[in-house]
PDB file of N, CA and C in Angstrom:
ATOM      1  N   MET A   1     112.907  95.219  48.120  1.00  0.00           N
ATOM      2  CA  MET A   1     112.914  93.809  48.450  1.00  0.00           C
ATOM      3  C   MET A   1     114.307  93.440  48.964  1.00  0.00           C
ATOM      4  N   LEU A   2     114.336  92.593  49.959  1.00  0.00           N
ATOM      5  CA  LEU A   2     115.599  92.192  50.556  1.00  0.00           C
ATOM      6  C   LEU A   2     115.925  90.733  50.251  1.00  0.00           C
ATOM      7  N   TYR A   3     117.216  90.440  50.119  1.00  0.00           N
ATOM      8  CA  TYR A   3     117.771  89.096  50.035  1.00  0.00           C
ATOM      9  C   TYR A   3     117.100  88.249  48.965  1.00  0.00           C
ATOM     10  N   ASP A   4     116.512  87.108  49.357  1.00  0.00           N
ATOM     11  CA  ASP A   4     115.947  86.163  48.384  1.00  0.00           C
ATOM     12  C   ASP A   4     114.423  86.238  48.343  1.00  0.00           C
ATOM     13  N   ARG A   5     113.868  87.388  48.661  1.00  0.00           N
ATOM     14  CA  ARG A   5     112.411  87.541  48.690  1.00  0.00           C
ATOM     15  C   ARG A   5     111.866  87.862  47.304  1.00  0.00           C
ATOM     16  N   VAL A   6     110.651  87.365  47.048  1.00  0.00           N
ATOM     17  CA  VAL A   6     109.956  87.596  45.788  1.00  0.00           C
ATOM     18  C   VAL A   6     108.562  88.114  46.126  1.00  0.00           C
ATOM     19  N   LEU A   7     108.151  89.198  45.495  1.00  0.00           N
ATOM     20  CA  LEU A   7     106.823  89.772  45.679  1.00  0.00           C
ATOM     21  C   LEU A   7     106.016  89.464  44.425  1.00  0.00           C
ATOM     22  N   VAL A   8     104.855  88.793  44.599  1.00  0.00           N
ATOM     23  CA  VAL A   8     104.047  88.383  43.451  1.00  0.00           C
ATOM     24  C   VAL A   8     102.616  88.870  43.601  1.00  0.00           C
ATOM     25  N   LYS A   9     101.951  89.030  42.478  1.00  0.00           N
ATOM     26  CA  LYS A   9     100.524  89.367  42.417  1.00  0.00           C
ATOM     27  C   LYS A   9      99.794  88.086  42.069  1.00  0.00           C
ATOM     28  N   SER A  10      98.970  87.605  42.974  1.00  0.00           N
ATOM     29  CA  SER A  10      98.298  86.323  42.818  1.00  0.00           C
ATOM     30  C   SER A  10      97.220  86.351  41.750  1.00  0.00           C
ATOM     31  N   ASP A  11      97.070  85.223  41.038  1.00  0.00           N
ATOM     32  CA  ASP A  11      96.027  85.058  40.034  1.00  0.00           C
ATOM     33  C   ASP A  11      94.782  84.393  40.611  1.00  0.00           C
ATOM     34  N   LEU A  12      94.807  84.089  41.912  1.00  0.00           N
ATOM     35  CA  LEU A  12      93.664  83.405  42.518  1.00  0.00           C
ATOM     36  C   LEU A  12      92.428  84.297  42.479  1.00  0.00           C
ATOM     37  N   PRO A  13      91.310  83.776  41.976  1.00  0.00           N
ATOM     38  CA  PRO A  13      90.092  84.592  41.948  1.00  0.00           C
ATOM     39  C   PRO A  13      89.521  84.758  43.350  1.00  0.00           C
ATOM     40  N   GLU A  14      89.020  85.926  43.616  1.00  0.00           N
ATOM     41  CA  GLU A  14      88.369  86.189  44.898  1.00  0.00           C
ATOM     42  C   GLU A  14      86.896  85.834  44.770  1.00  0.00           C
ATOM     43  N   GLY A  15      86.354  85.143  45.733  1.00  0.00           N
ATOM     44  CA  GLY A  15      84.932  84.816  45.718  1.00  0.00           C
ATOM     45  C   GLY A  15      84.614  83.606  44.857  1.00  0.00           C
ATOM     46  N   GLU A  16      83.458  83.640  44.239  1.00  0.00           N
ATOM     47  CA  GLU A  16      82.996  82.510  43.446  1.00  0.00           C
ATOM     48  C   GLU A  16      83.829  82.345  42.184  1.00  0.00           C
ATOM     49  N   ARG A  17      83.897  81.097  41.703  1.00  0.00           N
ATOM     50  CA  ARG A  17      84.617  80.814  40.469  1.00  0.00           C
ATOM     51  C   ARG A  17      83.870  79.738  39.694  1.00  0.00           C
ATOM     52  N   ARG A  18      84.234  79.520  38.456  1.00  0.00           N
ATOM     53  CA  ARG A  18      83.587  78.516  37.613  1.00  0.00           C
ATOM     54  C   ARG A  18      84.583  77.420  37.263  1.00  0.00           C
ATOM     55  N   SER A  19      84.088  76.187  37.231  1.00  0.00           N
ATOM     56  CA  SER A  19      84.916  75.060  36.816  1.00  0.00           C
ATOM     57  C   SER A  19      85.035  75.070  35.298  1.00  0.00           C
ATOM     58  N   GLY A  20      85.862  74.186  34.753  1.00  0.00           N
ATOM     59  CA  GLY A  20      86.024  74.093  33.313  1.00  0.00           C
ATOM     60  C   GLY A  20      84.731  73.719  32.613  1.00  0.00           C
ATOM     61  N   GLY A  21      83.840  73.009  33.296  1.00  0.00           N
ATOM     62  CA  GLY A  21      82.554  72.612  32.731  1.00  0.00           C
ATOM     63  C   GLY A  21      81.458  73.641  32.924  1.00  0.00           C
ATOM     64  N   GLY A  22      81.769  74.769  33.577  1.00  0.00           N
ATOM     65  CA  GLY A  22      80.804  75.830  33.758  1.00  0.00           C
ATOM     66  C   GLY A  22      80.032  75.779  35.061  1.00  0.00           C
ATOM     67  N   ILE A  23      80.380  74.875  35.962  1.00  0.00           N
ATOM     68  CA  ILE A  23      79.694  74.773  37.250  1.00  0.00           C
ATOM     69  C   ILE A  23      80.186  75.883  38.172  1.00  0.00           C
ATOM     70  N   LEU A  24      79.259  76.588  38.812  1.00  0.00           N
ATOM     71  CA  LEU A  24      79.593  77.670  39.738  1.00  0.00           C
ATOM     72  C   LEU A  24      80.015  77.069  41.078  1.00  0.00           C
ATOM     73  N   ILE A  25      81.220  77.443  41.548  1.00  0.00           N
ATOM     74  CA  ILE A  25      81.751  76.940  42.810  1.00  0.00           C
ATOM     75  C   ILE A  25      81.766  78.107  43.794  1.00  0.00           C
ATOM     76  N   PRO A  26      81.030  78.013  44.918  1.00  0.00           N
ATOM     77  CA  PRO A  26      80.987  79.124  45.877  1.00  0.00           C
ATOM     78  C   PRO A  26      82.327  79.328  46.569  1.00  0.00           C
ATOM     79  N   ALA A  27      82.547  80.522  47.076  1.00  0.00           N
ATOM     80  CA  ALA A  27      83.802  80.866  47.735  1.00  0.00           C
ATOM     81  C   ALA A  27      84.024  80.048  48.998  1.00  0.00           C
ATOM     82  N   THR A  28      82.957  79.548  49.607  1.00  0.00           N
ATOM     83  CA  THR A  28      83.078  78.792  50.852  1.00  0.00           C
ATOM     84  C   THR A  28      83.386  77.315  50.633  1.00  0.00           C
ATOM     85  N   ALA A  29      83.395  76.862  49.382  1.00  0.00           N
ATOM     86  CA  ALA A  29      83.644  75.448  49.096  1.00  0.00           C
ATOM     87  C   ALA A  29      85.094  75.093  49.398  1.00  0.00           C
ATOM     88  N   ALA A  30      85.293  73.927  50.033  1.00  0.00           N
ATOM     89  CA  ALA A  30      86.638  73.458  50.336  1.00  0.00           C
ATOM     90  C   ALA A  30      87.276  72.921  49.057  1.00  0.00           C
ATOM     91  N   VAL A  31      88.505  73.337  48.832  1.00  0.00           N
ATOM     92  CA  VAL A  31      89.238  72.908  47.645  1.00  0.00           C
ATOM     93  C   VAL A  31      90.459  72.136  48.117  1.00  0.00           C
ATOM     94  N   GLY A  32      90.802  71.054  47.425  1.00  0.00           N
ATOM     95  CA  GLY A  32      91.995  70.296  47.761  1.00  0.00           C
ATOM     96  C   GLY A  32      93.242  71.138  47.580  1.00  0.00           C
ATOM     97  N   LYS A  33      94.346  70.626  48.059  1.00  0.00           N
ATOM     98  CA  LYS A  33      95.597  71.380  47.969  1.00  0.00           C
ATOM     99  C   LYS A  33      96.013  71.507  46.505  1.00  0.00           C
ATOM    100  N   ARG A  34      96.095  72.745  46.047  1.00  0.00           N
ATOM    101  CA  ARG A  34      96.471  73.034  44.666  1.00  0.00           C
ATOM    102  C   ARG A  34      97.509  74.141  44.658  1.00  0.00           C
ATOM    103  N   LEU A  35      98.375  74.092  43.680  1.00  0.00           N
ATOM    104  CA  LEU A  35      99.333  75.166  43.485  1.00  0.00           C
ATOM    105  C   LEU A  35      98.673  76.254  42.654  1.00  0.00           C
ATOM    106  N   ALA A  36      99.175  77.470  42.738  1.00  0.00           N
ATOM    107  CA  ALA A  36      98.574  78.605  42.035  1.00  0.00           C
ATOM    108  C   ALA A  36      99.648  79.367  41.265  1.00  0.00           C
ATOM    109  N   TRP A  37      99.222  80.029  40.192  1.00  0.00           N
ATOM    110  CA  TRP A  37     100.110  80.866  39.394  1.00  0.00           C
ATOM    111  C   TRP A  37     100.012  82.314  39.854  1.00  0.00           C
ATOM    112  N   ALA A  38     101.126  83.038  39.732  1.00  0.00           N
ATOM    113  CA  ALA A  38     101.171  84.460  40.077  1.00  0.00           C
ATOM    114  C   ALA A  38     102.211  85.143  39.208  1.00  0.00           C
ATOM    115  N   GLU A  39     102.111  86.467  39.115  1.00  0.00           N
ATOM    116  CA  GLU A  39     103.079  87.247  38.345  1.00  0.00           C
ATOM    117  C   GLU A  39     104.055  87.929  39.293  1.00  0.00           C
ATOM    118  N   VAL A  40     105.338  87.836  38.995  1.00  0.00           N
ATOM    119  CA  VAL A  40     106.375  88.442  39.826  1.00  0.00           C
ATOM    120  C   VAL A  40     106.347  89.955  39.626  1.00  0.00           C
ATOM    121  N   VAL A  41     106.290  90.689  40.738  1.00  0.00           N
ATOM    122  CA  VAL A  41     106.255  92.145  40.709  1.00  0.00           C
ATOM    123  C   VAL A  41     107.626  92.728  41.042  1.00  0.00           C
ATOM    124  N   ALA A  42     108.299  92.153  42.047  1.00  0.00           N
ATOM    125  CA  ALA A  42     109.605  92.648  42.471  1.00  0.00           C
ATOM    126  C   ALA A  42     110.421  91.500  43.049  1.00  0.00           C
ATOM    127  N   VAL A  43     111.749  91.620  42.988  1.00  0.00           N
ATOM    128  CA  VAL A  43     112.636  90.586  43.533  1.00  0.00           C
ATOM    129  C   VAL A  43     113.749  91.240  44.342  1.00  0.00           C
ATOM    130  N   GLY A  44     114.285  90.484  45.299  1.00  0.00           N
ATOM    131  CA  GLY A  44     115.416  90.952  46.093  1.00  0.00           C
ATOM    132  C   GLY A  44     116.721  90.821  45.329  1.00  0.00           C
ATOM    133  N   GLN A  45     117.801  91.377  45.880  1.00  0.00           N
ATOM    134  CA  GLN A  45     119.079  91.396  45.178  1.00  0.00           C
ATOM    135  C   GLN A  45     119.734  90.022  45.053  1.00  0.00           C
ATOM    136  N   ASN A  46     119.359  89.042  45.865  1.00  0.00           N
ATOM    137  CA  ASN A  46     119.962  87.709  45.800  1.00  0.00           C
ATOM    138  C   ASN A  46     119.129  86.704  45.016  1.00  0.00           C
ATOM    139  N   VAL A  47     118.046  87.110  44.403  1.00  0.00           N
ATOM    140  CA  VAL A  47     117.206  86.209  43.606  1.00  0.00           C
ATOM    141  C   VAL A  47     117.884  85.993  42.261  1.00  0.00           C
ATOM    142  N   ARG A  48     118.018  84.698  41.860  1.00  0.00           N
ATOM    143  CA  ARG A  48     118.757  84.388  40.641  1.00  0.00           C
ATOM    144  C   ARG A  48     117.901  83.840  39.508  1.00  0.00           C
ATOM    145  N   THR A  49     116.756  83.227  39.799  1.00  0.00           N
ATOM    146  CA  THR A  49     116.036  82.504  38.750  1.00  0.00           C
ATOM    147  C   THR A  49     114.820  83.218  38.189  1.00  0.00           C
ATOM    148  N   VAL A  50     114.324  84.236  38.844  1.00  0.00           N
ATOM    149  CA  VAL A  50     113.133  84.926  38.340  1.00  0.00           C
ATOM    150  C   VAL A  50     113.402  86.416  38.198  1.00  0.00           C
ATOM    151  N   GLU A  51     112.611  87.041  37.323  1.00  0.00           N
ATOM    152  CA  GLU A  51     112.683  88.482  37.101  1.00  0.00           C
ATOM    153  C   GLU A  51     111.262  89.033  37.138  1.00  0.00           C
ATOM    154  N   PRO A  52     111.109  90.324  37.390  1.00  0.00           N
ATOM    155  CA  PRO A  52     109.765  90.907  37.336  1.00  0.00           C
ATOM    156  C   PRO A  52     109.124  90.653  35.970  1.00  0.00           C
ATOM    157  N   GLY A  53     107.855  90.276  35.993  1.00  0.00           N
ATOM    158  CA  GLY A  53     107.128  89.951  34.773  1.00  0.00           C
ATOM    159  C   GLY A  53     107.002  88.460  34.529  1.00  0.00           C
ATOM    160  N   ASP A  54     107.843  87.625  35.169  1.00  0.00           N
ATOM    161  CA  ASP A  54     107.736  86.172  35.039  1.00  0.00           C
ATOM    162  C   ASP A  54     106.496  85.678  35.766  1.00  0.00           C
ATOM    163  N   ARG A  55     105.990  84.518  35.353  1.00  0.00           N
ATOM    164  CA  ARG A  55     104.893  83.867  36.066  1.00  0.00           C
ATOM    165  C   ARG A  55     105.479  82.698  36.841  1.00  0.00           C
ATOM    166  N   VAL A  56     105.062  82.558  38.101  1.00  0.00           N
ATOM    167  CA  VAL A  56     105.609  81.511  38.953  1.00  0.00           C
ATOM    168  C   VAL A  56     104.485  80.669  39.558  1.00  0.00           C
ATOM    169  N   LEU A  57     104.819  79.433  39.879  1.00  0.00           N
ATOM    170  CA  LEU A  57     103.897  78.501  40.508  1.00  0.00           C
ATOM    171  C   LEU A  57     104.294  78.361  41.968  1.00  0.00           C
ATOM    172  N   TYR A  58     103.337  78.530  42.879  1.00  0.00           N
ATOM    173  CA  TYR A  58     103.631  78.483  44.310  1.00  0.00           C
ATOM    174  C   TYR A  58     102.470  77.830  45.055  1.00  0.00           C
ATOM    175  N   ASP A  59     102.713  77.492  46.313  1.00  0.00           N
ATOM    176  CA  ASP A  59     101.692  76.908  47.181  1.00  0.00           C
ATOM    177  C   ASP A  59     100.983  78.040  47.920  1.00  0.00           C
ATOM    178  N   PRO A  60      99.690  78.268  47.637  1.00  0.00           N
ATOM    179  CA  PRO A  60      99.002  79.394  48.267  1.00  0.00           C
ATOM    180  C   PRO A  60      98.816  79.267  49.780  1.00  0.00           C
ATOM    181  N   GLU A  61      99.018  78.075  50.335  1.00  0.00           N
ATOM    182  CA  GLU A  61      98.892  77.926  51.786  1.00  0.00           C
ATOM    183  C   GLU A  61     100.153  78.377  52.517  1.00  0.00           C
ATOM    184  N   ASP A  62     101.292  78.388  51.832  1.00  0.00           N
ATOM    185  CA  ASP A  62     102.557  78.827  52.426  1.00  0.00           C
ATOM    186  C   ASP A  62     102.878  80.227  51.926  1.00  0.00           C
ATOM    187  N   ARG A  63     102.113  81.201  52.376  1.00  0.00           N
ATOM    188  CA  ARG A  63     102.304  82.553  51.865  1.00  0.00           C
ATOM    189  C   ARG A  63     102.100  83.578  52.960  1.00  0.00           C
ATOM    190  N   ALA A  64     102.643  84.752  52.715  1.00  0.00           N
ATOM    191  CA  ALA A  64     102.454  85.901  53.599  1.00  0.00           C
ATOM    192  C   ALA A  64     101.923  87.028  52.728  1.00  0.00           C
ATOM    193  N   GLU A  65     100.722  87.486  53.020  1.00  0.00           N
ATOM    194  CA  GLU A  65     100.120  88.555  52.233  1.00  0.00           C
ATOM    195  C   GLU A  65     100.513  89.914  52.794  1.00  0.00           C
ATOM    196  N   VAL A  66     100.671  90.862  51.890  1.00  0.00           N
ATOM    197  CA  VAL A  66     100.996  92.227  52.272  1.00  0.00           C
ATOM    198  C   VAL A  66     100.202  93.162  51.364  1.00  0.00           C
ATOM    199  N   GLU A  67      99.738  94.272  51.934  1.00  0.00           N
ATOM    200  CA  GLU A  67      98.983  95.242  51.158  1.00  0.00           C
ATOM    201  C   GLU A  67      99.861  96.464  50.897  1.00  0.00           C
ATOM    202  N   VAL A  68     100.000  96.815  49.620  1.00  0.00           N
ATOM    203  CA  VAL A  68     100.797  97.972  49.217  1.00  0.00           C
ATOM    204  C   VAL A  68      99.925  98.865  48.344  1.00  0.00           C
ATOM    205  N   ARG A  69      99.681 100.081  48.795  1.00  0.00           N
ATOM    206  CA  ARG A  69      98.869 101.056  48.065  1.00  0.00           C
ATOM    207  C   ARG A  69      97.515 100.488  47.651  1.00  0.00           C
ATOM    208  N   GLY A  70      96.891  99.752  48.539  1.00  0.00           N
ATOM    209  CA  GLY A  70      95.555  99.227  48.302  1.00  0.00           C
ATOM    210  C   GLY A  70      95.507  97.924  47.528  1.00  0.00           C
ATOM    211  N   ALA A  71      96.624  97.428  47.034  1.00  0.00           N
ATOM    212  CA  ALA A  71      96.667  96.157  46.296  1.00  0.00           C
ATOM    213  C   ALA A  71      97.282  95.087  47.187  1.00  0.00           C
ATOM    214  N   THR A  72      96.760  93.862  47.096  1.00  0.00           N
ATOM    215  CA  THR A  72      97.252  92.758  47.908  1.00  0.00           C
ATOM    216  C   THR A  72      98.261  91.938  47.115  1.00  0.00           C
ATOM    217  N   TYR A  73      99.426  91.707  47.717  1.00  0.00           N
ATOM    218  CA  TYR A  73     100.503  90.930  47.113  1.00  0.00           C
ATOM    219  C   TYR A  73     100.863  89.780  48.039  1.00  0.00           C
ATOM    220  N   VAL A  74     101.621  88.826  47.512  1.00  0.00           N
ATOM    221  CA  VAL A  74     102.112  87.703  48.299  1.00  0.00           C
ATOM    222  C   VAL A  74     103.629  87.805  48.348  1.00  0.00           C
ATOM    223  N   LEU A  75     104.192  87.692  49.547  1.00  0.00           N
ATOM    224  CA  LEU A  75     105.640  87.764  49.759  1.00  0.00           C
ATOM    225  C   LEU A  75     106.138  86.375  50.113  1.00  0.00           C
ATOM    226  N   MET A  76     107.193  85.924  49.432  1.00  0.00           N
ATOM    227  CA  MET A  76     107.733  84.585  49.702  1.00  0.00           C
ATOM    228  C   MET A  76     109.211  84.540  49.386  1.00  0.00           C
ATOM    229  N   ARG A  77     109.852  83.460  49.780  1.00  0.00           N
ATOM    230  CA  ARG A  77     111.259  83.243  49.461  1.00  0.00           C
ATOM    231  C   ARG A  77     111.355  82.582  48.087  1.00  0.00           C
ATOM    232  N   GLU A  78     112.472  82.785  47.431  1.00  0.00           N
ATOM    233  CA  GLU A  78     112.686  82.187  46.111  1.00  0.00           C
ATOM    234  C   GLU A  78     112.610  80.663  46.175  1.00  0.00           C
ATOM    235  N   ARG A  79     113.087  80.070  47.247  1.00  0.00           N
ATOM    236  CA  ARG A  79     113.085  78.603  47.368  1.00  0.00           C
ATOM    237  C   ARG A  79     111.676  78.020  47.491  1.00  0.00           C
ATOM    238  N   ASP A  80     110.667  78.857  47.781  1.00  0.00           N
ATOM    239  CA  ASP A  80     109.296  78.380  47.892  1.00  0.00           C
ATOM    240  C   ASP A  80     108.575  78.324  46.545  1.00  0.00           C
ATOM    241  N   LEU A  81     109.240  78.740  45.473  1.00  0.00           N
ATOM    242  CA  LEU A  81     108.640  78.680  44.145  1.00  0.00           C
ATOM    243  C   LEU A  81     108.809  77.279  43.576  1.00  0.00           C
ATOM    244  N   HIS A  82     107.783  76.785  42.881  1.00  0.00           N
ATOM    245  CA  HIS A  82     107.819  75.440  42.316  1.00  0.00           C
ATOM    246  C   HIS A  82     108.176  75.424  40.842  1.00  0.00           C
ATOM    247  N   ALA A  83     107.840  76.482  40.100  1.00  0.00           N
ATOM    248  CA  ALA A  83     108.142  76.547  38.671  1.00  0.00           C
ATOM    249  C   ALA A  83     108.126  78.001  38.223  1.00  0.00           C
ATOM    250  N   VAL A  84     108.822  78.263  37.109  1.00  0.00           N
ATOM    251  CA  VAL A  84     108.864  79.600  36.515  1.00  0.00           C
ATOM    252  C   VAL A  84     108.486  79.475  35.051  1.00  0.00           C
ATOM    253  N   ALA A  85     107.561  80.320  34.588  1.00  0.00           N
ATOM    254  CA  ALA A  85     107.192  80.379  33.174  1.00  0.00           C
ATOM    255  C   ALA A  85     107.567  81.770  32.677  1.00  0.00           C
ATOM    256  N   ALA A  86     108.451  81.813  31.664  1.00  0.00           N
ATOM    257  CA  ALA A  86     108.907  83.110  31.163  1.00  0.00           C
ATOM    258  C   ALA A  86     109.222  83.012  29.687  1.00  0.00           C
ATOM    259  N   GLU A  87     108.961  84.091  28.953  1.00  0.00           N
ATOM    260  CA  GLU A  87     109.273  84.154  27.528  1.00  0.00           C
ATOM    261  C   GLU A  87     110.776  83.996  27.297  1.00  0.00           C
ATOM    262  N   ARG A  88     111.614  84.511  28.178  1.00  0.00           N
ATOM    263  CA  ARG A  88     113.056  84.453  27.990  1.00  0.00           C
ATOM    264  C   ARG A  88     113.607  83.039  28.094  1.00  0.00           C
ATOM    265  N   LEU A  89     112.836  82.098  28.657  1.00  0.00           N
ATOM    266  CA  LEU A  89     113.274  80.711  28.772  1.00  0.00           C
ATOM    267  C   LEU A  89     112.967  79.902  27.518  1.00  0.00           C
ATOM    268  N   GLU A  90     112.292  80.484  26.551  1.00  0.00           N
ATOM    269  CA  GLU A  90     111.931  79.782  25.326  1.00  0.00           C
ATOM    270  C   GLU A  90     112.998  79.986  24.260  1.00  0.00           C
ATOM    271  N   GLY A  91     114.237  79.581  24.557  1.00  0.00           N
ATOM    272  CA  GLY A  91     115.345  79.814  23.651  1.00  0.00           C
ATOM    273  C   GLY A  91     115.433  78.856  22.480  1.00  0.00           C
ATOM    274  N   SER A  92     115.057  77.604  22.641  1.00  0.00           N
ATOM    275  CA  SER A  92     115.170  76.632  21.551  1.00  0.00           C
ATOM    276  C   SER A  92     113.804  76.081  21.194  1.00  0.00           C
ATOM    277  N   GLU A  93     113.759  75.349  20.077  1.00  0.00           N
ATOM    278  CA  GLU A  93     112.464  74.840  19.621  1.00  0.00           C
ATOM    279  C   GLU A  93     111.888  73.732  20.503  1.00  0.00           C
ATOM    280  N   ASP A  94     112.710  73.076  21.310  1.00  0.00           N
ATOM    281  CA  ASP A  94     112.204  72.016  22.193  1.00  0.00           C
ATOM    282  C   ASP A  94     111.901  72.511  23.594  1.00  0.00           C
ATOM    283  N   SER A  95     112.028  73.810  23.844  1.00  0.00           N
ATOM    284  CA  SER A  95     111.773  74.391  25.153  1.00  0.00           C
ATOM    285  C   SER A  95     110.295  74.665  25.357  1.00  0.00           C
ATOM    286  N   THR A  96     109.804  74.428  26.568  1.00  0.00           N
ATOM    287  CA  THR A  96     108.419  74.707  26.902  1.00  0.00           C
ATOM    288  C   THR A  96     108.249  76.088  27.501  1.00  0.00           C
ATOM    289  N   GLY A  97     109.336  76.739  27.859  1.00  0.00           N
ATOM    290  CA  GLY A  97     109.251  78.040  28.523  1.00  0.00           C
ATOM    291  C   GLY A  97     109.077  77.889  30.019  1.00  0.00           C
ATOM    292  N   LEU A  98     109.123  76.652  30.524  1.00  0.00           N
ATOM    293  CA  LEU A  98     108.987  76.400  31.959  1.00  0.00           C
ATOM    294  C   LEU A  98     110.316  75.983  32.534  1.00  0.00           C
ATOM    295  N   TYR A  99     110.628  76.480  33.699  1.00  0.00           N
ATOM    296  CA  TYR A  99     111.814  76.076  34.424  1.00  0.00           C
ATOM    297  C   TYR A  99     111.328  75.472  35.735  1.00  0.00           C
ATOM    298  N   LEU A 100     111.497  74.166  35.904  1.00  0.00           N
ATOM    299  CA  LEU A 100     111.001  73.482  37.107  1.00  0.00           C
ATOM    300  C   LEU A 100     112.140  73.174  38.033  1.00  0.00           C
TER     301      LEU A 100
END
């Protein structure tokens, strides 16, 4: 990875999905703009706020997909991340573990 790039594995389900109430939503259904969670796989040498294994929140419409050894990943800049969720950020009792 170069510079401020972050490689993540997306949590977005492929195909059909279910709502919280159990309603089946087809893959062709239009969904409003939503942010998505992903797990960081690799980071560039200039990335300061995330480490591999962290979960990050990003905009799935602003992404570049890349296939590595048959697996699909998303490549983005560190500045395109909206939030970071990591166990290492839970240092005090009032911490949520989120860095926004």
